[in-house]
Amino acid sequence: MIKQEWIKKGFVDEPVDSSLDLKKEIKRLCKEKNAVILAHYYQPDDIQEIADFIGDSLALAQWATKSDADMFIMCGVHFMAETAKVLCPEKKVIIPDINAGCSLADSCQAEKLKAFIDQHPGYTVLSYANTTAAVKALTDIIVTSSNARQIVESLPADEKIIFGPDRNLGNYIKTVTGRDMLIWDGACHVHEKFSLEKITELKKQYPDADILVHPECKSTIVNLADVVGSTAALLKHAVKSGKKRFIVVTEPGILYEMRKQCPDKEFIPAPSEDVSNVCNECNYMRLNTMEKLYNSIRYEYPLIEVDSDIARQAVKPINRMLEISARLGL
């Protein structure tokens, strides 16, 4: 039974018996309920280890549409769970802690974006996947860091574009494509806080290392990069590269999969400007824990719901993204 205090907290706060083999019990519950665990690359290592599928935002969305599961447990942040629900309205979608939000999504409120769109008629609206369902409902095409450049380049050369909400990703795409783009002024708190000075020092210490940078970072950081790309692209480069050492400038959760796929290579997390968060972890991503994951499957809570009218509008730009991505072979 769901208790009132759990509803207020946004997760099931029931103590978990310390003698339980959590991995075994989670797998048993998933089999019993025909549930699958989807985990983003930025999740804690133990959650990635037990997940049925690990990926970036694009891959998680693509996987959800192909699954025959009855229930998804989205180990990521709230907008990812909303996206899964919008794409699969007949499925149960659960997130271990509903408080796992996103600073970037919070930086773009739907009513403010609508007013901005109304002020600029004739523009095609591209929104980064890191947005609420309500923002997606105002959008023409959703993009991710994996496909943003290719989708922009697939549009007519004279297309006028509103790009939101990440100013760093938007300005990067605008620079490399030369397109006419109005950029929303939002940002991810993790990628904003990487230290240029400390990364420069790391490069001096490890001159043989490739610097791998996510395009949500500031341009001063991107300019240091040997490779700029999504989490999936950075992982792919690390696997294929002949280099043996990498400075990784994105949320350090990706290091789990990098080290798993490349045990003979060294991955160094880029430091933050914030001395209290040396490895620059996302505090929202880290709200999900094995205990919360276990309880969420057991009680099928917190359950993600999306207003039906918003969902009907939000699925259109997501499907358009998936169609373009499939056409371009992304």
C-alpha atoms as a PDB file:
ATOM      1  CA  MET A   1       0.000   0.000   0.000  1.00  0.00           C
ATOM      2  CA  ILE A   2       1.277   3.473  -0.896  1.00  0.00           C
ATOM      3  CA  LYS A   3       1.576   5.593   2.210  1.00  0.00           C
ATOM      4  CA  GLN A   4       0.812   9.304   2.328  1.00  0.00           C
ATOM      5  CA  GLU A   5       4.351  10.137   3.461  1.00  0.00           C
ATOM      6  CA  TRP A   6       5.754   8.316   0.422  1.00  0.00           C
ATOM      7  CA  ILE A   7       3.578  10.426  -1.850  1.00  0.00           C
ATOM      8  CA  LYS A   8       4.922  13.580  -0.203  1.00  0.00           C
ATOM      9  CA  LYS A   9       8.517  12.395  -0.586  1.00  0.00           C
ATOM     10  CA  GLY A  10       8.086  11.209  -4.179  1.00  0.00           C
ATOM     11  CA  PHE A  11       9.587   7.767  -3.560  1.00  0.00           C
ATOM     12  CA  VAL A  12       8.915   4.683  -1.451  1.00  0.00           C
ATOM     13  CA  ASP A  13      10.836   5.238   1.760  1.00  0.00           C
ATOM     14  CA  GLU A  14      10.316   1.770   3.224  1.00  0.00           C
ATOM     15  CA  PRO A  15      13.457   0.316   4.814  1.00  0.00           C
ATOM     16  CA  VAL A  16      14.942  -2.550   2.837  1.00  0.00           C
ATOM     17  CA  ASP A  17      16.077  -5.662   4.691  1.00  0.00           C
ATOM     18  CA  SER A  18      19.882  -5.551   4.633  1.00  0.00           C
ATOM     19  CA  SER A  19      20.032  -9.343   4.289  1.00  0.00           C
ATOM     20  CA  LEU A  20      18.261  -9.231   0.924  1.00  0.00           C
ATOM     21  CA  ASP A  21      20.233  -9.920  -2.227  1.00  0.00           C
ATOM     22  CA  LEU A  22      18.946  -6.780  -3.947  1.00  0.00           C
ATOM     23  CA  LYS A  23      20.140  -7.705  -7.423  1.00  0.00           C
ATOM     24  CA  LYS A  24      18.489 -11.109  -7.212  1.00  0.00           C
ATOM     25  CA  GLU A  25      15.230  -9.686  -5.813  1.00  0.00           C
ATOM     26  CA  ILE A  26      15.069  -6.910  -8.406  1.00  0.00           C
ATOM     27  CA  LYS A  27      15.557  -9.420 -11.219  1.00  0.00           C
ATOM     28  CA  ARG A  28      12.896 -11.692  -9.700  1.00  0.00           C
ATOM     29  CA  LEU A  29      10.367  -8.848  -9.502  1.00  0.00           C
ATOM     30  CA  CYS A  30      11.119  -7.762 -13.064  1.00  0.00           C
ATOM     31  CA  LYS A  31      10.504 -11.280 -14.349  1.00  0.00           C
ATOM     32  CA  GLU A  32       7.316 -11.593 -12.299  1.00  0.00           C
ATOM     33  CA  LYS A  33       5.928  -8.263 -13.569  1.00  0.00           C
ATOM     34  CA  ASN A  34       7.353  -8.356 -17.114  1.00  0.00           C
ATOM     35  CA  ALA A  35       9.267  -5.191 -16.307  1.00  0.00           C
ATOM     36  CA  VAL A  36      12.528  -3.893 -17.735  1.00  0.00           C
ATOM     37  CA  ILE A  37      15.037  -1.486 -16.252  1.00  0.00           C
ATOM     38  CA  LEU A  38      16.254   1.321 -18.509  1.00  0.00           C
ATOM     39  CA  ALA A  39      19.284   3.225 -17.253  1.00  0.00           C
ATOM     40  CA  HIS A  40      21.056   6.309 -18.516  1.00  0.00           C
ATOM     41  CA  TYR A  41      24.845   6.350 -18.727  1.00  0.00           C
ATOM     42  CA  TYR A  42      24.933   8.859 -15.851  1.00  0.00           C
ATOM     43  CA  GLN A  43      23.387   6.495 -13.308  1.00  0.00           C
ATOM     44  CA  PRO A  44      25.371   5.014 -10.401  1.00  0.00           C
ATOM     45  CA  ASP A  45      27.474   1.976 -11.288  1.00  0.00           C
ATOM     46  CA  ASP A  46      25.339  -0.598  -9.437  1.00  0.00           C
ATOM     47  CA  ILE A  47      22.201   0.500 -11.281  1.00  0.00           C
ATOM     48  CA  GLN A  48      23.949   0.355 -14.649  1.00  0.00           C
ATOM     49  CA  GLU A  49      25.185  -3.111 -13.769  1.00  0.00           C
ATOM     50  CA  ILE A  50      21.674  -4.465 -13.181  1.00  0.00           C
ATOM     51  CA  ALA A  51      19.887  -2.584 -15.984  1.00  0.00           C
ATOM     52  CA  ASP A  52      18.394  -4.423 -18.953  1.00  0.00           C
ATOM     53  CA  PHE A  53      19.368  -1.591 -21.270  1.00  0.00           C
ATOM     54  CA  ILE A  54      21.852   1.264 -20.879  1.00  0.00           C
ATOM     55  CA  GLY A  55      22.067   4.224 -23.206  1.00  0.00           C
ATOM     56  CA  ASP A  56      21.772   7.934 -23.874  1.00  0.00           C
ATOM     57  CA  SER A  57      18.443   9.730 -24.320  1.00  0.00           C
ATOM     58  CA  LEU A  58      18.044   8.794 -28.006  1.00  0.00           C
ATOM     59  CA  ALA A  59      18.847   5.129 -27.445  1.00  0.00           C
ATOM     60  CA  LEU A  60      16.474   4.876 -24.462  1.00  0.00           C
ATOM     61  CA  ALA A  61      13.644   6.392 -26.517  1.00  0.00           C
ATOM     62  CA  GLN A  62      14.331   4.063 -29.446  1.00  0.00           C
ATOM     63  CA  TRP A  63      14.492   1.005 -27.190  1.00  0.00           C
ATOM     64  CA  ALA A  64      11.235   1.828 -25.399  1.00  0.00           C
ATOM     65  CA  THR A  65       9.286   1.793 -28.666  1.00  0.00           C
ATOM     66  CA  LYS A  66      10.507  -1.721 -29.480  1.00  0.00           C
ATOM     67  CA  SER A  67      10.013  -3.422 -26.116  1.00  0.00           C
ATOM     68  CA  ASP A  68       7.163  -5.825 -25.300  1.00  0.00           C
ATOM     69  CA  ALA A  69       7.499  -5.210 -21.561  1.00  0.00           C
ATOM     70  CA  ASP A  70       4.442  -4.228 -19.529  1.00  0.00           C
ATOM     71  CA  MET A  71       6.397  -1.859 -17.306  1.00  0.00           C
ATOM     72  CA  PHE A  72       9.484   0.328 -17.638  1.00  0.00           C
ATOM     73  CA  ILE A  73      11.543   1.435 -14.664  1.00  0.00           C
ATOM     74  CA  MET A  74      13.386   4.513 -15.891  1.00  0.00           C
ATOM     75  CA  CYS A  75      16.611   4.965 -13.982  1.00  0.00           C
ATOM     76  CA  GLY A  76      17.435   8.441 -15.123  1.00  0.00           C
ATOM     77  CA  VAL A  77      15.638  11.735 -14.654  1.00  0.00           C
ATOM     78  CA  HIS A  78      12.012  12.793 -14.905  1.00  0.00           C
ATOM     79  CA  PHE A  79      11.955  14.003 -18.520  1.00  0.00           C
ATOM     80  CA  MET A  80      13.276  10.598 -19.674  1.00  0.00           C
ATOM     81  CA  ALA A  81      10.431   8.830 -17.873  1.00  0.00           C
ATOM     82  CA  GLU A  82       7.947  11.275 -19.408  1.00  0.00           C
ATOM     83  CA  THR A  83       9.349  10.555 -22.865  1.00  0.00           C
ATOM     84  CA  ALA A  84       8.940   6.809 -22.346  1.00  0.00           C
ATOM     85  CA  LYS A  85       5.332   7.355 -21.213  1.00  0.00           C
ATOM     86  CA  VAL A  86       4.541   9.602 -24.182  1.00  0.00           C
ATOM     87  CA  LEU A  87       5.949   7.015 -26.596  1.00  0.00           C
ATOM     88  CA  CYS A  88       4.313   4.070 -24.818  1.00  0.00           C
ATOM     89  CA  PRO A  89       1.091   5.390 -23.237  1.00  0.00           C
ATOM     90  CA  GLU A  90      -0.276   1.898 -22.640  1.00  0.00           C
ATOM     91  CA  LYS A  91       2.737   0.892 -20.523  1.00  0.00           C
ATOM     92  CA  LYS A  92       3.407   1.572 -16.852  1.00  0.00           C
ATOM     93  CA  VAL A  93       6.410   3.850 -16.453  1.00  0.00           C
ATOM     94  CA  ILE A  94       8.044   4.204 -13.057  1.00  0.00           C
ATOM     95  CA  ILE A  95      11.003   6.219 -11.798  1.00  0.00           C
ATOM     96  CA  PRO A  96      12.698   5.261  -8.502  1.00  0.00           C
ATOM     97  CA  ASP A  97      12.654   8.871  -7.220  1.00  0.00           C
ATOM     98  CA  ILE A  98      10.308  11.397  -8.804  1.00  0.00           C
ATOM     99  CA  ASN A  99      12.524  14.193  -7.459  1.00  0.00           C
ATOM    100  CA  ALA A 100      15.173  13.228 -10.035  1.00  0.00           C
ATOM    101  CA  GLY A 101      14.646  16.304 -12.165  1.00  0.00           C
ATOM    102  CA  CYS A 102      16.901  18.210 -14.548  1.00  0.00           C
ATOM    103  CA  SER A 103      18.308  21.723 -14.203  1.00  0.00           C
ATOM    104  CA  LEU A 104      18.278  22.103 -17.993  1.00  0.00           C
ATOM    105  CA  ALA A 105      14.613  21.121 -18.295  1.00  0.00           C
ATOM    106  CA  ASP A 106      13.812  23.501 -15.429  1.00  0.00           C
ATOM    107  CA  SER A 107      15.452  26.357 -17.354  1.00  0.00           C
ATOM    108  CA  CYS A 108      12.732  26.256 -20.023  1.00  0.00           C
ATOM    109  CA  GLN A 109       9.139  26.633 -18.837  1.00  0.00           C
ATOM    110  CA  ALA A 110       6.417  25.860 -21.389  1.00  0.00           C
ATOM    111  CA  GLU A 111       4.530  29.141 -20.982  1.00  0.00           C
ATOM    112  CA  LYS A 112       7.708  31.184 -21.482  1.00  0.00           C
ATOM    113  CA  LEU A 113       8.709  29.164 -24.535  1.00  0.00           C
ATOM    114  CA  LYS A 114       5.235  29.626 -26.033  1.00  0.00           C
ATOM    115  CA  ALA A 115       5.507  33.392 -25.621  1.00  0.00           C
ATOM    116  CA  PHE A 116       8.936  33.320 -27.301  1.00  0.00           C
ATOM    117  CA  ILE A 117       7.598  31.246 -30.199  1.00  0.00           C
ATOM    118  CA  ASP A 118       4.669  33.644 -30.621  1.00  0.00           C
ATOM    119  CA  GLN A 119       7.158  36.520 -30.866  1.00  0.00           C
ATOM    120  CA  HIS A 120       9.001  34.767 -33.701  1.00  0.00           C
ATOM    121  CA  PRO A 121       6.465  33.405 -36.215  1.00  0.00           C
ATOM    122  CA  GLY A 122       7.802  31.369 -39.118  1.00  0.00           C
ATOM    123  CA  TYR A 123      10.535  29.634 -37.110  1.00  0.00           C
ATOM    124  CA  THR A 124      10.872  25.865 -36.817  1.00  0.00           C
ATOM    125  CA  VAL A 125      11.168  24.891 -33.151  1.00  0.00           C
ATOM    126  CA  LEU A 126      13.829  22.337 -32.230  1.00  0.00           C
ATOM    127  CA  SER A 127      13.919  21.311 -28.583  1.00  0.00           C
ATOM    128  CA  TYR A 128      16.588  19.245 -26.912  1.00  0.00           C
ATOM    129  CA  ALA A 129      15.250  16.028 -25.382  1.00  0.00           C
ATOM    130  CA  ASN A 130      16.112  17.399 -21.929  1.00  0.00           C
ATOM    131  CA  THR A 131      12.737  19.124 -21.652  1.00  0.00           C
ATOM    132  CA  THR A 132       9.321  18.489 -20.134  1.00  0.00           C
ATOM    133  CA  ALA A 133       6.492  16.901 -22.097  1.00  0.00           C
ATOM    134  CA  ALA A 134       4.753  20.307 -22.080  1.00  0.00           C
ATOM    135  CA  VAL A 135       7.747  21.886 -23.882  1.00  0.00           C
ATOM    136  CA  LYS A 136       7.915  18.965 -26.309  1.00  0.00           C
ATOM    137  CA  ALA A 137       4.246  19.609 -27.107  1.00  0.00           C
ATOM    138  CA  LEU A 138       5.211  23.098 -28.390  1.00  0.00           C
ATOM    139  CA  THR A 139       8.046  21.719 -30.517  1.00  0.00           C
ATOM    140  CA  ASP A 140       8.361  20.717 -34.182  1.00  0.00           C
ATOM    141  CA  ILE A 141      11.296  18.324 -33.813  1.00  0.00           C
ATOM    142  CA  ILE A 142      13.018  16.907 -30.740  1.00  0.00           C
ATOM    143  CA  VAL A 143      16.795  16.445 -30.923  1.00  0.00           C
ATOM    144  CA  THR A 144      19.439  14.856 -28.729  1.00  0.00           C
ATOM    145  CA  SER A 145      23.151  15.509 -28.526  1.00  0.00           C
ATOM    146  CA  SER A 146      23.562  12.385 -30.690  1.00  0.00           C
ATOM    147  CA  ASN A 147      21.535  13.693 -33.618  1.00  0.00           C
ATOM    148  CA  ALA A 148      21.120  17.488 -33.266  1.00  0.00           C
ATOM    149  CA  ARG A 149      23.715  18.408 -35.884  1.00  0.00           C
ATOM    150  CA  GLN A 150      22.459  15.887 -38.439  1.00  0.00           C
ATOM    151  CA  ILE A 151      18.820  16.871 -37.951  1.00  0.00           C
ATOM    152  CA  VAL A 152      19.619  20.579 -38.334  1.00  0.00           C
ATOM    153  CA  GLU A 153      21.621  19.839 -41.480  1.00  0.00           C
ATOM    154  CA  SER A 154      18.735  17.775 -42.872  1.00  0.00           C
ATOM    155  CA  LEU A 155      16.487  20.882 -42.885  1.00  0.00           C
ATOM    156  CA  PRO A 156      16.459  23.351 -45.816  1.00  0.00           C
ATOM    157  CA  ALA A 157      19.455  25.692 -45.715  1.00  0.00           C
ATOM    158  CA  ASP A 158      17.270  28.790 -45.347  1.00  0.00           C
ATOM    159  CA  GLU A 159      15.122  27.366 -42.505  1.00  0.00           C
ATOM    160  CA  LYS A 160      14.853  29.702 -39.514  1.00  0.00           C
ATOM    161  CA  ILE A 161      15.252  27.758 -36.283  1.00  0.00           C
ATOM    162  CA  ILE A 162      14.483  28.293 -32.609  1.00  0.00           C
ATOM    163  CA  PHE A 163      16.742  25.977 -30.599  1.00  0.00           C
ATOM    164  CA  GLY A 164      16.241  25.321 -26.914  1.00  0.00           C
ATOM    165  CA  PRO A 165      16.871  25.050 -24.130  1.00  0.00           C
ATOM    166  CA  ASP A 166      20.652  24.451 -23.960  1.00  0.00           C
ATOM    167  CA  ARG A 167      22.605  27.529 -25.057  1.00  0.00           C
ATOM    168  CA  ASN A 168      25.916  25.676 -25.170  1.00  0.00           C
ATOM    169  CA  LEU A 169      24.673  22.856 -27.377  1.00  0.00           C
ATOM    170  CA  GLY A 170      22.677  25.336 -29.480  1.00  0.00           C
ATOM    171  CA  ASN A 171      25.631  27.642 -30.052  1.00  0.00           C
ATOM    172  CA  TYR A 172      27.865  24.675 -30.871  1.00  0.00           C
ATOM    173  CA  ILE A 173      25.379  23.422 -33.483  1.00  0.00           C
ATOM    174  CA  LYS A 174      24.956  26.949 -34.853  1.00  0.00           C
ATOM    175  CA  THR A 175      28.742  27.281 -35.215  1.00  0.00           C
ATOM    176  CA  VAL A 176      29.335  23.960 -36.967  1.00  0.00           C
ATOM    177  CA  THR A 177      26.300  24.229 -39.290  1.00  0.00           C
ATOM    178  CA  GLY A 178      26.239  27.999 -39.945  1.00  0.00           C
ATOM    179  CA  ARG A 179      22.432  27.939 -39.692  1.00  0.00           C
ATOM    180  CA  ASP A 180      20.097  30.783 -38.734  1.00  0.00           C
ATOM    181  CA  MET A 181      19.245  29.874 -35.134  1.00  0.00           C
ATOM    182  CA  LEU A 182      17.727  31.707 -32.178  1.00  0.00           C
ATOM    183  CA  ILE A 183      19.096  30.108 -29.013  1.00  0.00           C
ATOM    184  CA  TRP A 184      17.190  29.743 -25.733  1.00  0.00           C
ATOM    185  CA  ASP A 185      19.233  30.756 -22.685  1.00  0.00           C
ATOM    186  CA  GLY A 186      19.308  27.558 -20.629  1.00  0.00           C
ATOM    187  CA  ALA A 187      22.078  25.279 -19.392  1.00  0.00           C
ATOM    188  CA  CYS A 188      22.902  22.074 -17.519  1.00  0.00           C
ATOM    189  CA  HIS A 189      24.356  22.736 -14.069  1.00  0.00           C
ATOM    190  CA  VAL A 190      26.819  19.846 -14.434  1.00  0.00           C
ATOM    191  CA  HIS A 191      28.270  20.776 -17.820  1.00  0.00           C
ATOM    192  CA  GLU A 192      28.434  24.473 -16.894  1.00  0.00           C
ATOM    193  CA  LYS A 193      30.780  23.802 -13.978  1.00  0.00           C
ATOM    194  CA  PHE A 194      33.763  22.086 -15.553  1.00  0.00           C
ATOM    195  CA  SER A 195      36.969  23.918 -14.763  1.00  0.00           C
ATOM    196  CA  LEU A 196      38.922  25.191 -17.773  1.00  0.00           C
ATOM    197  CA  GLU A 197      41.995  25.753 -15.634  1.00  0.00           C
ATOM    198  CA  LYS A 198      41.946  22.276 -14.080  1.00  0.00           C
ATOM    199  CA  ILE A 199      41.342  20.514 -17.406  1.00  0.00           C
ATOM    200  CA  THR A 200      44.235  22.457 -18.941  1.00  0.00           C
ATOM    201  CA  GLU A 201      46.435  21.300 -16.062  1.00  0.00           C
ATOM    202  CA  LEU A 202      45.303  17.696 -16.574  1.00  0.00           C
ATOM    203  CA  LYS A 203      46.274  17.907 -20.239  1.00  0.00           C
ATOM    204  CA  LYS A 204      49.743  19.102 -19.243  1.00  0.00           C
ATOM    205  CA  GLN A 205      49.985  16.186 -16.823  1.00  0.00           C
ATOM    206  CA  TYR A 206      48.738  13.687 -19.434  1.00  0.00           C
ATOM    207  CA  PRO A 207      49.777  15.093 -22.847  1.00  0.00           C
ATOM    208  CA  ASP A 208      49.012  11.772 -24.545  1.00  0.00           C
ATOM    209  CA  ALA A 209      45.346  11.835 -23.457  1.00  0.00           C
ATOM    210  CA  ASP A 210      42.437  12.670 -25.750  1.00  0.00           C
ATOM    211  CA  ILE A 211      40.020  15.204 -24.270  1.00  0.00           C
ATOM    212  CA  LEU A 212      36.439  14.000 -24.803  1.00  0.00           C
ATOM    213  CA  VAL A 213      33.852  16.776 -24.383  1.00  0.00           C
ATOM    214  CA  HIS A 214      30.065  16.806 -24.329  1.00  0.00           C
ATOM    215  CA  PRO A 215      28.598  19.698 -26.380  1.00  0.00           C
ATOM    216  CA  GLU A 216      26.550  20.918 -23.386  1.00  0.00           C
ATOM    217  CA  CYS A 217      29.835  22.338 -22.067  1.00  0.00           C
ATOM    218  CA  LYS A 218      30.855  25.981 -22.477  1.00  0.00           C
ATOM    219  CA  SER A 219      32.623  26.919 -25.706  1.00  0.00           C
ATOM    220  CA  THR A 220      35.898  27.519 -23.853  1.00  0.00           C
ATOM    221  CA  ILE A 221      35.839  23.847 -22.794  1.00  0.00           C
ATOM    222  CA  VAL A 222      34.663  22.600 -26.213  1.00  0.00           C
ATOM    223  CA  ASN A 223      37.610  24.424 -27.790  1.00  0.00           C
ATOM    224  CA  LEU A 224      39.987  22.174 -25.827  1.00  0.00           C
ATOM    225  CA  ALA A 225      38.408  18.991 -27.148  1.00  0.00           C
ATOM    226  CA  ASP A 226      39.931  16.339 -29.330  1.00  0.00           C
ATOM    227  CA  VAL A 227      36.429  14.901 -29.727  1.00  0.00           C
ATOM    228  CA  VAL A 228      33.043  16.586 -29.163  1.00  0.00           C
ATOM    229  CA  GLY A 229      29.981  14.369 -28.937  1.00  0.00           C
ATOM    230  CA  SER A 230      27.129  12.807 -27.020  1.00  0.00           C
ATOM    231  CA  THR A 231      27.795  10.275 -24.289  1.00  0.00           C
ATOM    232  CA  ALA A 232      27.263   7.492 -26.839  1.00  0.00           C
ATOM    233  CA  ALA A 233      29.632   9.154 -29.327  1.00  0.00           C
ATOM    234  CA  LEU A 234      32.333   9.667 -26.700  1.00  0.00           C
ATOM    235  CA  LEU A 235      32.019   6.029 -25.656  1.00  0.00           C
ATOM    236  CA  LYS A 236      32.245   4.882 -29.274  1.00  0.00           C
ATOM    237  CA  HIS A 237      35.385   6.961 -29.842  1.00  0.00           C
ATOM    238  CA  ALA A 238      37.036   5.561 -26.724  1.00  0.00           C
ATOM    239  CA  VAL A 239      36.337   1.990 -27.846  1.00  0.00           C
ATOM    240  CA  LYS A 240      37.673   2.519 -31.387  1.00  0.00           C
ATOM    241  CA  SER A 241      40.596   4.814 -30.577  1.00  0.00           C
ATOM    242  CA  GLY A 242      44.164   3.607 -30.447  1.00  0.00           C
ATOM    243  CA  LYS A 243      44.775   5.994 -27.546  1.00  0.00           C
ATOM    244  CA  LYS A 244      45.140   4.519 -24.059  1.00  0.00           C
ATOM    245  CA  ARG A 245      44.198   7.538 -21.929  1.00  0.00           C
ATOM    246  CA  PHE A 246      41.238   9.915 -21.997  1.00  0.00           C
ATOM    247  CA  ILE A 247      40.127  12.993 -20.055  1.00  0.00           C
ATOM    248  CA  VAL A 248      36.333  12.721 -19.991  1.00  0.00           C
ATOM    249  CA  VAL A 249      34.410  15.993 -19.781  1.00  0.00           C
ATOM    250  CA  THR A 250      30.853  14.932 -19.034  1.00  0.00           C
ATOM    251  CA  GLU A 251      28.997  13.438 -16.072  1.00  0.00           C
ATOM    252  CA  PRO A 252      31.318  10.728 -14.692  1.00  0.00           C
ATOM    253  CA  GLY A 253      28.655   8.004 -14.714  1.00  0.00           C
ATOM    254  CA  ILE A 254      29.750   7.271 -18.298  1.00  0.00           C
ATOM    255  CA  LEU A 255      33.107   6.046 -16.971  1.00  0.00           C
ATOM    256  CA  TYR A 256      31.457   2.811 -15.791  1.00  0.00           C
ATOM    257  CA  GLU A 257      30.637   1.728 -19.350  1.00  0.00           C
ATOM    258  CA  MET A 258      33.908   3.113 -20.741  1.00  0.00           C
ATOM    259  CA  ARG A 259      35.954   1.084 -18.261  1.00  0.00           C
ATOM    260  CA  LYS A 260      33.760  -1.975 -18.827  1.00  0.00           C
ATOM    261  CA  GLN A 261      34.261  -1.878 -22.597  1.00  0.00           C
ATOM    262  CA  CYS A 262      37.908  -0.745 -22.449  1.00  0.00           C
ATOM    263  CA  PRO A 263      39.509  -2.372 -19.388  1.00  0.00           C
ATOM    264  CA  ASP A 264      42.987  -1.729 -20.771  1.00  0.00           C
ATOM    265  CA  LYS A 265      42.451   2.042 -21.049  1.00  0.00           C
ATOM    266  CA  GLU A 266      42.540   4.852 -18.491  1.00  0.00           C
ATOM    267  CA  PHE A 267      39.652   7.291 -18.090  1.00  0.00           C
ATOM    268  CA  ILE A 268      40.127  10.449 -16.048  1.00  0.00           C
ATOM    269  CA  PRO A 269      37.014  12.396 -14.947  1.00  0.00           C
ATOM    270  CA  ALA A 270      37.322  16.109 -15.629  1.00  0.00           C
ATOM    271  CA  PRO A 271      37.235  18.217 -12.455  1.00  0.00           C
ATOM    272  CA  SER A 272      34.595  20.738 -11.497  1.00  0.00           C
ATOM    273  CA  GLU A 273      34.998  24.343 -10.432  1.00  0.00           C
ATOM    274  CA  ASP A 274      33.020  23.291  -7.345  1.00  0.00           C
ATOM    275  CA  VAL A 275      35.429  21.899  -4.742  1.00  0.00           C
ATOM    276  CA  SER A 276      32.500  20.165  -2.976  1.00  0.00           C
ATOM    277  CA  ASN A 277      31.725  18.128  -6.120  1.00  0.00           C
ATOM    278  CA  VAL A 278      35.165  17.167  -7.385  1.00  0.00           C
ATOM    279  CA  CYS A 279      34.016  14.655 -10.016  1.00  0.00           C
ATOM    280  CA  ASN A 280      31.110  16.864 -11.112  1.00  0.00           C
ATOM    281  CA  GLU A 281      28.338  14.333 -10.533  1.00  0.00           C
ATOM    282  CA  CYS A 282      24.701  15.179 -11.295  1.00  0.00           C
ATOM    283  CA  ASN A 283      22.901  15.325  -7.959  1.00  0.00           C
ATOM    284  CA  TYR A 284      19.595  14.515  -9.684  1.00  0.00           C
ATOM    285  CA  MET A 285      20.892  11.357 -11.362  1.00  0.00           C
ATOM    286  CA  ARG A 286      22.318  10.190  -8.046  1.00  0.00           C
ATOM    287  CA  LEU A 287      18.924  10.327  -6.306  1.00  0.00           C
ATOM    288  CA  ASN A 288      18.170   6.894  -7.771  1.00  0.00           C
ATOM    289  CA  THR A 289      19.546   4.087  -5.590  1.00  0.00           C
ATOM    290  CA  MET A 290      19.283   0.301  -5.529  1.00  0.00           C
ATOM    291  CA  GLU A 291      16.969   0.470  -2.521  1.00  0.00           C
ATOM    292  CA  LYS A 292      14.631   2.925  -4.247  1.00  0.00           C
ATOM    293  CA  LEU A 293      14.787   0.831  -7.422  1.00  0.00           C
ATOM    294  CA  TYR A 294      13.748  -2.281  -5.488  1.00  0.00           C
ATOM    295  CA  ASN A 295      10.887  -0.502  -3.735  1.00  0.00           C
ATOM    296  CA  SER A 296       9.697   1.171  -6.936  1.00  0.00           C
ATOM    297  CA  ILE A 297       9.289  -2.194  -8.694  1.00  0.00           C
ATOM    298  CA  ARG A 298       7.738  -3.802  -5.636  1.00  0.00           C
ATOM    299  CA  TYR A 299       5.116  -1.080  -5.150  1.00  0.00           C
ATOM    300  CA  GLU A 300       4.947   0.118  -8.802  1.00  0.00           C
ATOM    301  CA  TYR A 301       5.462   3.675  -7.604  1.00  0.00           C
ATOM    302  CA  PRO A 302       6.167   6.545  -8.344  1.00  0.00           C
ATOM    303  CA  LEU A 303       4.076   6.141 -11.476  1.00  0.00           C
ATOM    304  CA  ILE A 304       4.627   8.629 -14.312  1.00  0.00           C
ATOM    305  CA  GLU A 305       1.517  10.176 -15.854  1.00  0.00           C
ATOM    306  CA  VAL A 306       1.340  12.727 -18.677  1.00  0.00           C
ATOM    307  CA  ASP A 307      -1.749  14.771 -19.499  1.00  0.00           C
ATOM    308  CA  SER A 308      -3.382  13.112 -22.521  1.00  0.00           C
ATOM    309  CA  ASP A 309      -3.650  16.323 -24.575  1.00  0.00           C
ATOM    310  CA  ILE A 310      -0.005  17.185 -23.917  1.00  0.00           C
ATOM    311  CA  ALA A 311       1.036  13.612 -24.687  1.00  0.00           C
ATOM    312  CA  ARG A 312      -0.761  13.647 -28.055  1.00  0.00           C
ATOM    313  CA  GLN A 313       1.136  16.787 -29.060  1.00  0.00           C
ATOM    314  CA  ALA A 314       4.465  15.774 -27.490  1.00  0.00           C
ATOM    315  CA  VAL A 315       4.672  12.449 -29.301  1.00  0.00           C
ATOM    316  CA  LYS A 316       4.652  14.144 -32.720  1.00  0.00           C
ATOM    317  CA  PRO A 317       8.088  15.851 -32.499  1.00  0.00           C
ATOM    318  CA  ILE A 318       9.562  12.774 -30.805  1.00  0.00           C
ATOM    319  CA  ASN A 319       8.322  10.546 -33.615  1.00  0.00           C
ATOM    320  CA  ARG A 320       9.626  13.041 -36.156  1.00  0.00           C
ATOM    321  CA  MET A 321      13.043  12.824 -34.496  1.00  0.00           C
ATOM    322  CA  LEU A 322      12.934   9.027 -34.587  1.00  0.00           C
ATOM    323  CA  GLU A 323      11.858   9.035 -38.258  1.00  0.00           C
ATOM    324  CA  ILE A 324      14.626  11.445 -39.296  1.00  0.00           C
ATOM    325  CA  SER A 325      17.185   9.512 -37.222  1.00  0.00           C
ATOM    326  CA  ALA A 326      16.140   6.254 -38.894  1.00  0.00           C
ATOM    327  CA  ARG A 327      16.296   7.856 -42.354  1.00  0.00           C
ATOM    328  CA  LEU A 328      19.781   9.228 -41.647  1.00  0.00           C
ATOM    329  CA  GLY A 329      20.939   5.947 -40.144  1.00  0.00           C
ATOM    330  CA  LEU A 330      21.563   7.398 -36.687  1.00  0.00           C
END
